[in-house]
């Protein structure tokens, strides 16, 4: 599996996506802070964090007995780069749809 596919797979779960969005908004957080705001056990959150770490979406920093998590910017940049590289495809499709709708809307059968 390519790194980008692993990133998309990790983010396909709504809990993991919510964790990443929270880390993006608030910056580095301790694992306990991430557990405190979800209706899920600490081991379940830990499993989600492990998936995100293995996919390279987040990174972990250990300080004493605490583990801190933050977003790995390169993983999110890869998504952005992929999206931008496919922009021409989407724009061409939307242009064809606009042309089709304009053509169908221009005929009056009644």
N, C-alpha and C. Protein backbone atom coordinates (compact mmCIF):
# COMPACT_ATOMS: atom_id res chain seq x y z
N UNK A 1 0.86 -1.17 0.00
CA UNK A 1 0.00 0.00 0.00
C UNK A 1 0.91 1.23 0.00
N UNK A 2 0.61 2.17 -0.86
CA UNK A 2 1.41 3.38 -0.90
C UNK A 2 1.14 4.22 0.35
N UNK A 3 2.03 5.16 0.60
CA UNK A 3 1.86 6.01 1.77
C UNK A 3 0.56 6.81 1.69
N UNK A 4 0.23 7.30 0.51
CA UNK A 4 -1.01 8.07 0.36
C UNK A 4 -2.23 7.19 0.62
N UNK A 5 -2.20 5.96 0.14
CA UNK A 5 -3.32 5.05 0.38
C UNK A 5 -3.44 4.76 1.88
N UNK A 6 -2.32 4.60 2.55
CA UNK A 6 -2.34 4.36 4.00
C UNK A 6 -2.92 5.57 4.73
N UNK A 7 -2.58 6.75 4.27
CA UNK A 7 -3.11 7.98 4.87
C UNK A 7 -4.63 8.05 4.70
N UNK A 8 -5.10 7.82 3.48
CA UNK A 8 -6.55 7.84 3.24
C UNK A 8 -7.25 6.76 4.06
N UNK A 9 -6.66 5.57 4.13
CA UNK A 9 -7.27 4.48 4.89
C UNK A 9 -7.38 4.86 6.37
N UNK A 10 -6.33 5.45 6.91
CA UNK A 10 -6.35 5.84 8.33
C UNK A 10 -7.40 6.91 8.59
N UNK A 11 -7.56 7.83 7.66
CA UNK A 11 -8.51 8.93 7.85
C UNK A 11 -9.94 8.56 7.47
N UNK A 12 -10.14 7.36 6.94
CA UNK A 12 -11.49 6.97 6.52
C UNK A 12 -12.41 6.68 7.70
N UNK A 13 -11.84 6.49 8.87
CA UNK A 13 -12.64 6.27 10.07
C UNK A 13 -12.97 7.62 10.70
N UNK A 14 -14.22 7.84 11.03
CA UNK A 14 -14.63 9.17 11.52
C UNK A 14 -14.00 9.52 12.86
N UNK A 15 -13.74 8.54 13.70
CA UNK A 15 -13.07 8.83 14.98
C UNK A 15 -11.65 9.31 14.74
N UNK A 16 -10.93 8.62 13.85
CA UNK A 16 -9.55 9.03 13.56
C UNK A 16 -9.51 10.38 12.87
N UNK A 17 -10.44 10.61 11.97
CA UNK A 17 -10.50 11.92 11.31
C UNK A 17 -10.77 13.01 12.33
N UNK A 18 -11.66 12.76 13.28
CA UNK A 18 -11.96 13.74 14.33
C UNK A 18 -10.73 14.02 15.19
N UNK A 19 -9.96 12.99 15.49
CA UNK A 19 -8.73 13.17 16.28
C UNK A 19 -7.77 14.07 15.51
N UNK A 20 -7.58 13.81 14.23
CA UNK A 20 -6.66 14.61 13.42
C UNK A 20 -7.16 16.05 13.32
N UNK A 21 -8.45 16.24 13.10
CA UNK A 21 -8.99 17.60 13.03
C UNK A 21 -8.77 18.34 14.35
N UNK A 22 -8.96 17.64 15.46
CA UNK A 22 -8.74 18.28 16.76
C UNK A 22 -7.28 18.66 16.95
N UNK A 23 -6.38 17.76 16.58
CA UNK A 23 -4.95 18.07 16.69
C UNK A 23 -4.55 19.22 15.78
N UNK A 24 -5.17 19.29 14.61
CA UNK A 24 -4.88 20.41 13.70
C UNK A 24 -5.35 21.73 14.31
N UNK A 25 -6.50 21.71 14.95
CA UNK A 25 -7.07 22.93 15.52
C UNK A 25 -6.38 23.36 16.80
N UNK A 26 -6.01 22.39 17.64
CA UNK A 26 -5.51 22.72 18.97
C UNK A 26 -4.01 22.50 19.15
N UNK A 27 -3.38 21.84 18.20
CA UNK A 27 -1.96 21.55 18.34
C UNK A 27 -1.74 20.29 19.15
N UNK A 28 -0.52 20.11 19.60
CA UNK A 28 -0.14 18.91 20.33
C UNK A 28 -0.99 18.72 21.59
N UNK A 29 -1.46 17.48 21.79
CA UNK A 29 -2.28 17.15 22.96
C UNK A 29 -1.80 15.85 23.57
N UNK A 30 -1.98 15.76 24.88
CA UNK A 30 -1.67 14.53 25.59
C UNK A 30 -2.76 13.50 25.29
N UNK A 31 -2.39 12.23 25.36
CA UNK A 31 -3.34 11.16 25.11
C UNK A 31 -4.55 11.28 26.03
N UNK A 32 -4.31 11.63 27.29
CA UNK A 32 -5.41 11.77 28.24
C UNK A 32 -6.41 12.83 27.82
N UNK A 33 -5.94 13.90 27.20
CA UNK A 33 -6.85 14.94 26.72
C UNK A 33 -7.70 14.43 25.56
N UNK A 34 -7.11 13.60 24.73
CA UNK A 34 -7.86 13.04 23.60
C UNK A 34 -8.92 12.06 24.08
N UNK A 35 -8.61 11.31 25.11
CA UNK A 35 -9.55 10.33 25.65
C UNK A 35 -10.69 11.03 26.39
N UNK A 36 -10.38 12.11 27.08
CA UNK A 36 -11.37 12.78 27.93
C UNK A 36 -12.58 13.30 27.15
N UNK A 37 -12.41 13.63 25.88
CA UNK A 37 -13.50 14.25 25.13
C UNK A 37 -14.27 13.30 24.21
N UNK A 38 -14.01 12.02 24.31
CA UNK A 38 -14.74 11.07 23.47
C UNK A 38 -15.42 10.02 24.34
N UNK A 39 -16.47 9.47 23.83
CA UNK A 39 -17.19 8.42 24.56
C UNK A 39 -16.63 7.07 24.13
N UNK A 40 -15.41 6.82 24.57
CA UNK A 40 -14.70 5.64 24.15
C UNK A 40 -13.65 5.33 25.21
N UNK A 41 -13.34 4.09 25.38
CA UNK A 41 -12.34 3.71 26.38
C UNK A 41 -10.94 4.15 25.94
N UNK A 42 -10.06 4.29 26.92
CA UNK A 42 -8.68 4.66 26.62
C UNK A 42 -8.01 3.64 25.70
N UNK A 43 -8.21 2.33 25.90
CA UNK A 43 -7.60 1.37 24.97
C UNK A 43 -8.12 1.53 23.53
N UNK A 44 -9.39 1.86 23.38
CA UNK A 44 -9.94 2.05 22.03
C UNK A 44 -9.31 3.27 21.36
N UNK A 45 -9.16 4.36 22.10
CA UNK A 45 -8.51 5.56 21.56
C UNK A 45 -7.07 5.23 21.22
N UNK A 46 -6.42 4.47 22.08
CA UNK A 46 -5.03 4.08 21.84
C UNK A 46 -4.89 3.30 20.53
N UNK A 47 -5.84 2.44 20.23
CA UNK A 47 -5.80 1.68 18.97
C UNK A 47 -5.94 2.62 17.77
N UNK A 48 -6.82 3.62 17.88
CA UNK A 48 -6.96 4.60 16.79
C UNK A 48 -5.67 5.40 16.61
N UNK A 49 -5.07 5.80 17.71
CA UNK A 49 -3.81 6.55 17.64
C UNK A 49 -2.71 5.70 16.99
N UNK A 50 -2.70 4.42 17.29
CA UNK A 50 -1.71 3.52 16.70
C UNK A 50 -1.86 3.45 15.19
N UNK A 51 -3.10 3.35 14.71
CA UNK A 51 -3.37 3.32 13.27
C UNK A 51 -2.87 4.61 12.62
N UNK A 52 -3.16 5.75 13.25
CA UNK A 52 -2.72 7.03 12.70
C UNK A 52 -1.21 7.16 12.70
N UNK A 53 -0.57 6.66 13.75
CA UNK A 53 0.91 6.70 13.82
C UNK A 53 1.52 5.82 12.74
N UNK A 54 1.01 4.60 12.59
CA UNK A 54 1.55 3.68 11.59
C UNK A 54 1.39 4.24 10.18
N UNK A 55 0.31 4.99 9.94
CA UNK A 55 0.08 5.59 8.63
C UNK A 55 0.90 6.86 8.43
N UNK A 56 1.56 7.32 9.49
CA UNK A 56 2.38 8.52 9.38
C UNK A 56 1.58 9.81 9.44
N UNK A 57 0.33 9.75 9.89
CA UNK A 57 -0.52 10.93 9.95
C UNK A 57 -0.24 11.75 11.20
N UNK A 58 0.08 11.07 12.30
CA UNK A 58 0.42 11.77 13.54
C UNK A 58 1.76 11.26 14.05
N UNK A 59 2.34 12.03 14.94
CA UNK A 59 3.57 11.60 15.59
C UNK A 59 3.38 11.65 17.09
N UNK A 60 4.18 10.86 17.77
CA UNK A 60 4.09 10.73 19.21
C UNK A 60 5.39 11.23 19.84
N UNK A 61 5.23 11.95 20.96
CA UNK A 61 6.37 12.40 21.74
C UNK A 61 6.13 11.94 23.17
N UNK A 62 7.14 11.33 23.76
CA UNK A 62 7.03 10.84 25.12
C UNK A 62 7.79 11.78 26.04
N UNK A 63 7.11 12.21 27.11
CA UNK A 63 7.73 13.05 28.14
C UNK A 63 7.36 12.46 29.49
N UNK A 64 8.31 11.78 30.11
CA UNK A 64 8.02 11.11 31.37
C UNK A 64 7.03 9.99 31.14
N UNK A 65 5.91 10.04 31.84
CA UNK A 65 4.88 9.00 31.68
C UNK A 65 3.78 9.41 30.71
N UNK A 66 3.88 10.61 30.15
CA UNK A 66 2.83 11.09 29.23
C UNK A 66 3.26 10.93 27.79
N UNK A 67 2.25 10.71 26.96
CA UNK A 67 2.45 10.64 25.52
C UNK A 67 1.67 11.79 24.89
N UNK A 68 2.37 12.53 24.04
CA UNK A 68 1.78 13.67 23.36
C UNK A 68 1.71 13.37 21.86
N UNK A 69 0.63 13.84 21.24
CA UNK A 69 0.42 13.58 19.82
C UNK A 69 0.25 14.88 19.06
N UNK A 70 0.77 14.88 17.86
CA UNK A 70 0.61 16.03 16.97
C UNK A 70 0.51 15.52 15.53
N UNK A 71 -0.02 16.38 14.67
CA UNK A 71 -0.20 16.02 13.26
C UNK A 71 1.16 16.08 12.56
N UNK A 72 1.36 15.13 11.68
CA UNK A 72 2.56 15.10 10.84
C UNK A 72 2.22 15.87 9.56
N UNK A 73 2.72 17.09 9.42
CA UNK A 73 2.32 17.94 8.28
C UNK A 73 2.57 17.32 6.91
N UNK A 74 3.62 16.54 6.76
CA UNK A 74 3.92 15.96 5.45
C UNK A 74 2.82 15.02 4.95
N UNK A 75 2.16 14.33 5.86
CA UNK A 75 1.08 13.43 5.46
C UNK A 75 -0.10 14.23 4.89
N UNK A 76 -0.41 15.34 5.53
CA UNK A 76 -1.53 16.15 5.05
C UNK A 76 -1.15 16.91 3.78
N UNK A 77 0.12 17.25 3.64
CA UNK A 77 0.59 17.89 2.41
C UNK A 77 0.46 16.93 1.23
N UNK A 78 0.71 15.65 1.48
CA UNK A 78 0.57 14.65 0.42
C UNK A 78 -0.88 14.59 -0.09
N UNK A 79 -1.84 14.70 0.81
CA UNK A 79 -3.25 14.73 0.40
C UNK A 79 -3.52 15.98 -0.43
N UNK A 80 -3.03 17.10 0.03
CA UNK A 80 -3.22 18.35 -0.70
C UNK A 80 -2.59 18.28 -2.09
N UNK A 81 -1.37 17.76 -2.17
CA UNK A 81 -0.69 17.63 -3.47
C UNK A 81 -1.46 16.72 -4.41
N UNK A 82 -1.98 15.61 -3.88
CA UNK A 82 -2.74 14.68 -4.69
C UNK A 82 -4.01 15.35 -5.23
N UNK A 83 -4.69 16.08 -4.35
CA UNK A 83 -5.92 16.77 -4.75
C UNK A 83 -5.65 17.80 -5.84
N UNK A 84 -4.60 18.57 -5.66
CA UNK A 84 -4.25 19.58 -6.65
C UNK A 84 -3.88 18.93 -7.99
N UNK A 85 -3.17 17.81 -7.93
CA UNK A 85 -2.76 17.15 -9.18
C UNK A 85 -3.96 16.59 -9.94
N UNK A 86 -5.06 16.35 -9.28
CA UNK A 86 -6.27 15.83 -9.93
C UNK A 86 -7.30 16.92 -10.23
N UNK A 87 -6.93 18.14 -9.97
CA UNK A 87 -7.86 19.26 -10.18
C UNK A 87 -8.32 19.37 -11.63
N UNK A 88 -7.41 19.18 -12.58
CA UNK A 88 -7.77 19.29 -14.00
C UNK A 88 -8.84 18.26 -14.36
N UNK A 89 -8.73 17.06 -13.81
CA UNK A 89 -9.73 16.03 -14.07
C UNK A 89 -11.11 16.48 -13.62
N UNK A 90 -11.19 16.98 -12.38
CA UNK A 90 -12.48 17.41 -11.83
C UNK A 90 -13.03 18.61 -12.59
N UNK A 91 -12.17 19.56 -12.91
CA UNK A 91 -12.64 20.74 -13.64
C UNK A 91 -13.17 20.36 -15.02
N UNK A 92 -12.49 19.46 -15.72
CA UNK A 92 -12.95 19.04 -17.05
C UNK A 92 -14.31 18.35 -16.94
N UNK A 93 -14.47 17.52 -15.94
CA UNK A 93 -15.75 16.85 -15.74
C UNK A 93 -16.87 17.83 -15.45
N UNK A 94 -16.59 18.81 -14.62
CA UNK A 94 -17.60 19.81 -14.29
C UNK A 94 -17.91 20.68 -15.50
N UNK A 95 -16.91 20.98 -16.33
CA UNK A 95 -17.15 21.75 -17.55
C UNK A 95 -18.05 20.97 -18.50
N UNK A 96 -17.81 19.65 -18.61
CA UNK A 96 -18.68 18.82 -19.48
C UNK A 96 -20.10 18.79 -18.94
N UNK A 97 -20.25 18.71 -17.62
CA UNK A 97 -21.58 18.70 -17.01
C UNK A 97 -22.28 20.04 -17.27
N UNK A 98 -21.58 21.15 -17.10
CA UNK A 98 -22.16 22.47 -17.39
C UNK A 98 -22.63 22.56 -18.84
N UNK A 99 -21.81 22.07 -19.76
CA UNK A 99 -22.17 22.12 -21.18
C UNK A 99 -23.40 21.26 -21.45
N UNK A 100 -23.45 20.09 -20.84
CA UNK A 100 -24.60 19.21 -21.03
C UNK A 100 -25.88 19.84 -20.47
N UNK A 101 -25.77 20.41 -19.29
CA UNK A 101 -26.94 21.06 -18.68
C UNK A 101 -27.40 22.27 -19.49
N UNK A 102 -26.45 23.02 -20.02
CA UNK A 102 -26.79 24.19 -20.86
C UNK A 102 -27.47 23.72 -22.14
N UNK A 103 -26.98 22.63 -22.71
CA UNK A 103 -27.57 22.11 -23.95
C UNK A 103 -28.98 21.58 -23.70
N UNK A 104 -29.17 20.82 -22.63
CA UNK A 104 -30.49 20.26 -22.31
C UNK A 104 -31.46 21.35 -21.89
N UNK A 105 -30.98 22.35 -21.23
CA UNK A 105 -31.85 23.44 -20.77
C UNK A 105 -32.25 24.37 -21.91
N UNK A 106 -31.50 24.34 -23.00
CA UNK A 106 -31.77 25.22 -24.12
C UNK A 106 -32.81 24.71 -25.09
N UNK A 107 -33.17 23.42 -24.98
CA UNK A 107 -34.18 22.87 -25.88
C UNK A 107 -35.54 22.94 -25.24
N UNK A 108 -36.53 23.30 -26.00
CA UNK A 108 -37.90 23.41 -25.49
C UNK A 108 -38.77 22.45 -26.29
N UNK A 109 -39.17 21.36 -25.67
CA UNK A 109 -39.97 20.35 -26.36
C UNK A 109 -41.47 20.61 -26.24
N UNK A 110 -41.89 21.55 -25.47
CA UNK A 110 -43.28 21.72 -25.18
C UNK A 110 -43.87 22.81 -25.91
